[in-house]
């Protein structure tokens, strides 16, 4: 099963190399770059076919240990192929190219590429971000619920969709989530195109924003509407994609089958369209996690805007509002997209909010990193419940998120996840400080990797990662994968290997 999953990922990856080949040949006229991408695509196709040949066994269900191993191996394998264009063009060394590819696939956006790198490499960087988030979404609705569903991911079921380890159901959910992801990317592309960007810049920014890959790249623009389009796309990426699926597919008209029956269906569709729009609005804004997310963004924006206005950093109120909202949404969505400013002298108050937003993240059914809002809601409700039970010892308290009750098993495992995330962060910071980094830089890089926000202005940037030793860069790659897939996937895979070893010894 592991080989089958890797082969499908590699064949999808090979298809993605067509876009930079088209750009290199049609727009830039760079034949060498097209050859490099073609070679990487052919290499991945051959490897994918070999994996598919040896992974032809029949299986109906996805075992937990094998699923955890499959998702842990997917990102390093794709990174080996994804780093080839960066390395063959000579813009990055082999180890830096591999770190760049891992950072892109995990949507961290480390952006080790120099600012004067060719445009097709930035396009390839954006494609890796988009493809990595697509892989994560496919695992979110198929493999991850079986691996770590009790650690809060199963709370996404309040969107109206359950999960199953049956292979047929997994394939069906994969197709559905791909359609939703492509639809949101198209909507983001249309927003950037309407804001005044050309086709290639619109596509590049749409992939970066909807995948929360971000990075330092932001095209030159003359209209402020480009920044508002980026805010809109990053807000979309913060939401629960399972709820998006429910909303999008209830708005679609029936399939085209001409005849009396089809026109009857079409008439019924328009009759219930109004009720559907009202119902979908209630679904989007009635979700407790989404409401808390928007409230956090609002209060953070008000506080930072007040500090900026108090210190008179921006003399134009519109510019102060726009920049404040942009950076709040950028780091709450863990995109980390920055504009042209330099951040050598970022105020400590802003550093605190950047750190807090990066750790929080977006909704649990999204492609953002961080701890996720719904887990914070559960922790806050646990605290309030324990305070009430201390005052009234015989009181029975139920934890709910929206209308869905949270089982005590899930509550306990969320607490375990929170504790383990903190321990992992400090252990990673200790290892990075051992490699020669300062303590503050080590903590910042550890948080940046675990929350998949590679660029934390004023805390760490690409120069900190470039200055690491070879061991430090390899260790950062491991942190990026663990942070993207959450620590329990690694623990379950290791536990599965130990159980198999004990069975073989017996």
Foldseek 3Di string as FASTA:
>chain_A
DLLLLLLVLLLVLLVLLVVLLCCCVPPVNNPVLNVQSNVLSVVSNVSSVVSCVVPVDDDFFDDQLSLLVSLLPNLLVVLQSLLRSVPVVPQDPPLVSSLLLLLLLLLLAQPLGDPPDDPSVLLSSLSSLLSSLLVLLLCLQERLCSQPVLQPSVVLCVLPDHHGRGPVRSVVVSVLLVVLLVVLLVVLLVQLVVQPDDNSLSNSLSSLQLSLSAYADDDDDDGLSNLVSSLVSNLNLQDASSNSSVLVVLQDQDDDDDDPVRVVSRVVSVVCNVVSVVVSVCSQCVFQQNVVLVVVLVVQLVVVLVVCVVVVPDPDSVVSSSQSSSLSSSQLQLSQYDYDDAQQPPDVVVLVSSLVSLQAHGDSNGSFFHLHRVLVLLVVVVVVVVVVCVVVVPDDDWDDRRPHTRDVSSSVSNVVLVVVLVVQLVVQLVVQVVQPDDSQQSSLLSSSQLRSNSDRRPRDGSVSLVPGDSVNSVSSSSSNSCSSSPVSSVVSNVVVVVVVVVVVVD
